[in-house]
Amino acid sequence: MKNQKIIPDYRLELQGETCPYPAIATINALEKLKKGEVLEVLSDCAQSINNIPMDAKNHGYEVLQIHQEGCTISFLIRK
């Protein structure tokens, strides 16, 4: 189902934070989730578009979606 809306269990708002903090905060938050839970991360740090998905995958998490609107990037990541 391509258009199925994913409802995150938690949201982490990191707008205004500079890299590498958004990537570090994302991994720290994911470590606290239960297996299968989904975290939504919002960031406006341009480097996050690469850093957050790469770090998440390197830690064994599943990046479900990346969406950019203006300068805000949202990520949906499953533990």
C-alpha atoms as a PDB file:
ATOM      1  CA  MET A   1       0.000   0.000   0.000  1.00  0.00           C
ATOM      2  CA  LYS A   2       1.884   3.023  -1.236  1.00  0.00           C
ATOM      3  CA  ASN A   3      -0.383   5.760   0.115  1.00  0.00           C
ATOM      4  CA  GLN A   4      -0.887   4.279   3.556  1.00  0.00           C
ATOM      5  CA  LYS A   5      -0.383   7.008   6.155  1.00  0.00           C
ATOM      6  CA  ILE A   6       2.126   6.098   8.826  1.00  0.00           C
ATOM      7  CA  ILE A   7       1.153   7.369  12.273  1.00  0.00           C
ATOM      8  CA  PRO A   8       4.261   7.948  14.398  1.00  0.00           C
ATOM      9  CA  ASP A   9       4.291   6.903  18.052  1.00  0.00           C
ATOM     10  CA  TYR A  10       6.562   9.795  19.022  1.00  0.00           C
ATOM     11  CA  ARG A  11       7.710  13.138  17.595  1.00  0.00           C
ATOM     12  CA  LEU A  12      11.092  14.791  18.035  1.00  0.00           C
ATOM     13  CA  GLU A  13      11.172  18.465  17.019  1.00  0.00           C
ATOM     14  CA  LEU A  14      14.704  19.673  16.360  1.00  0.00           C
ATOM     15  CA  GLN A  15      14.175  22.798  14.258  1.00  0.00           C
ATOM     16  CA  GLY A  16      16.798  25.399  15.078  1.00  0.00           C
ATOM     17  CA  GLU A  17      19.331  22.798  16.220  1.00  0.00           C
ATOM     18  CA  THR A  18      22.583  22.579  14.274  1.00  0.00           C
ATOM     19  CA  CYS A  19      24.294  19.403  13.158  1.00  0.00           C
ATOM     20  CA  PRO A  20      25.408  17.013  14.465  1.00  0.00           C
ATOM     21  CA  TYR A  21      22.910  17.399  17.333  1.00  0.00           C
ATOM     22  CA  PRO A  22      19.775  16.327  15.351  1.00  0.00           C
ATOM     23  CA  ALA A  23      21.391  13.031  14.324  1.00  0.00           C
ATOM     24  CA  ILE A  24      22.657  12.342  17.867  1.00  0.00           C
ATOM     25  CA  ALA A  25      19.288  13.208  19.431  1.00  0.00           C
ATOM     26  CA  THR A  26      17.501  10.972  16.906  1.00  0.00           C
ATOM     27  CA  ILE A  27      19.619   7.919  17.749  1.00  0.00           C
ATOM     28  CA  ASN A  28      19.263   8.590  21.497  1.00  0.00           C
ATOM     29  CA  ALA A  29      15.472   8.801  21.133  1.00  0.00           C
ATOM     30  CA  LEU A  30      15.257   5.656  18.984  1.00  0.00           C
ATOM     31  CA  GLU A  31      17.194   3.677  21.603  1.00  0.00           C
ATOM     32  CA  LYS A  32      14.364   4.354  24.094  1.00  0.00           C
ATOM     33  CA  LEU A  33      11.576   3.132  21.788  1.00  0.00           C
ATOM     34  CA  LYS A  34      10.135  -0.361  21.789  1.00  0.00           C
ATOM     35  CA  LYS A  35      10.762  -2.548  18.747  1.00  0.00           C
ATOM     36  CA  GLY A  36       8.312  -1.626  15.971  1.00  0.00           C
ATOM     37  CA  GLU A  37       7.541   1.879  17.253  1.00  0.00           C
ATOM     38  CA  VAL A  38       7.900   4.804  14.833  1.00  0.00           C
ATOM     39  CA  LEU A  39       9.622   8.110  15.552  1.00  0.00           C
ATOM     40  CA  GLU A  40       8.916  11.259  13.547  1.00  0.00           C
ATOM     41  CA  VAL A  41      11.863  13.666  13.476  1.00  0.00           C
ATOM     42  CA  LEU A  42      11.582  17.282  12.290  1.00  0.00           C
ATOM     43  CA  SER A  43      14.784  19.152  11.478  1.00  0.00           C
ATOM     44  CA  ASP A  44      15.794  22.217   9.500  1.00  0.00           C
ATOM     45  CA  CYS A  45      19.518  21.444   9.500  1.00  0.00           C
ATOM     46  CA  ALA A  46      20.438  20.878   5.824  1.00  0.00           C
ATOM     47  CA  GLN A  47      22.953  18.137   6.684  1.00  0.00           C
ATOM     48  CA  SER A  48      20.204  16.118   8.399  1.00  0.00           C
ATOM     49  CA  ILE A  49      18.898  14.930   5.020  1.00  0.00           C
ATOM     50  CA  ASN A  50      22.016  12.738   4.812  1.00  0.00           C
ATOM     51  CA  ASN A  51      23.120  12.300   8.434  1.00  0.00           C
ATOM     52  CA  ILE A  52      19.895  11.129  10.082  1.00  0.00           C
ATOM     53  CA  PRO A  53      19.033   8.348   7.570  1.00  0.00           C
ATOM     54  CA  MET A  54      22.651   7.145   7.415  1.00  0.00           C
ATOM     55  CA  ASP A  55      23.007   7.025  11.210  1.00  0.00           C
ATOM     56  CA  ALA A  56      19.616   5.355  11.624  1.00  0.00           C
ATOM     57  CA  LYS A  57      20.444   2.628   9.085  1.00  0.00           C
ATOM     58  CA  ASN A  58      23.902   2.117  10.637  1.00  0.00           C
ATOM     59  CA  HIS A  59      22.189   1.459  13.994  1.00  0.00           C
ATOM     60  CA  GLY A  60      19.762  -1.055  12.446  1.00  0.00           C
ATOM     61  CA  TYR A  61      16.670   1.175  12.264  1.00  0.00           C
ATOM     62  CA  GLU A  62      14.336   1.361   9.269  1.00  0.00           C
ATOM     63  CA  VAL A  63      13.890   4.724   7.530  1.00  0.00           C
ATOM     64  CA  LEU A  64      10.286   4.656   6.324  1.00  0.00           C
ATOM     65  CA  GLN A  65       9.920   8.104   4.847  1.00  0.00           C
ATOM     66  CA  ILE A  66      11.792  11.359   4.224  1.00  0.00           C
ATOM     67  CA  HIS A  67       9.848  14.461   3.248  1.00  0.00           C
ATOM     68  CA  GLN A  68      11.088  18.009   2.786  1.00  0.00           C
ATOM     69  CA  GLU A  69       8.803  21.023   2.828  1.00  0.00           C
ATOM     70  CA  GLY A  70      10.604  24.337   2.605  1.00  0.00           C
ATOM     71  CA  CYS A  71      13.595  24.088   4.912  1.00  0.00           C
ATOM     72  CA  THR A  72      11.928  21.559   7.254  1.00  0.00           C
ATOM     73  CA  ILE A  73      12.775  17.910   6.734  1.00  0.00           C
ATOM     74  CA  SER A  74      10.629  15.215   8.341  1.00  0.00           C
ATOM     75  CA  PHE A  75      11.766  11.638   8.832  1.00  0.00           C
ATOM     76  CA  LEU A  76       9.762   8.591   9.868  1.00  0.00           C
ATOM     77  CA  ILE A  77      11.991   5.929  11.373  1.00  0.00           C
ATOM     78  CA  ARG A  78      10.983   2.533  12.810  1.00  0.00           C
ATOM     79  CA  LYS A  79      12.947   0.846  15.541  1.00  0.00           C
END
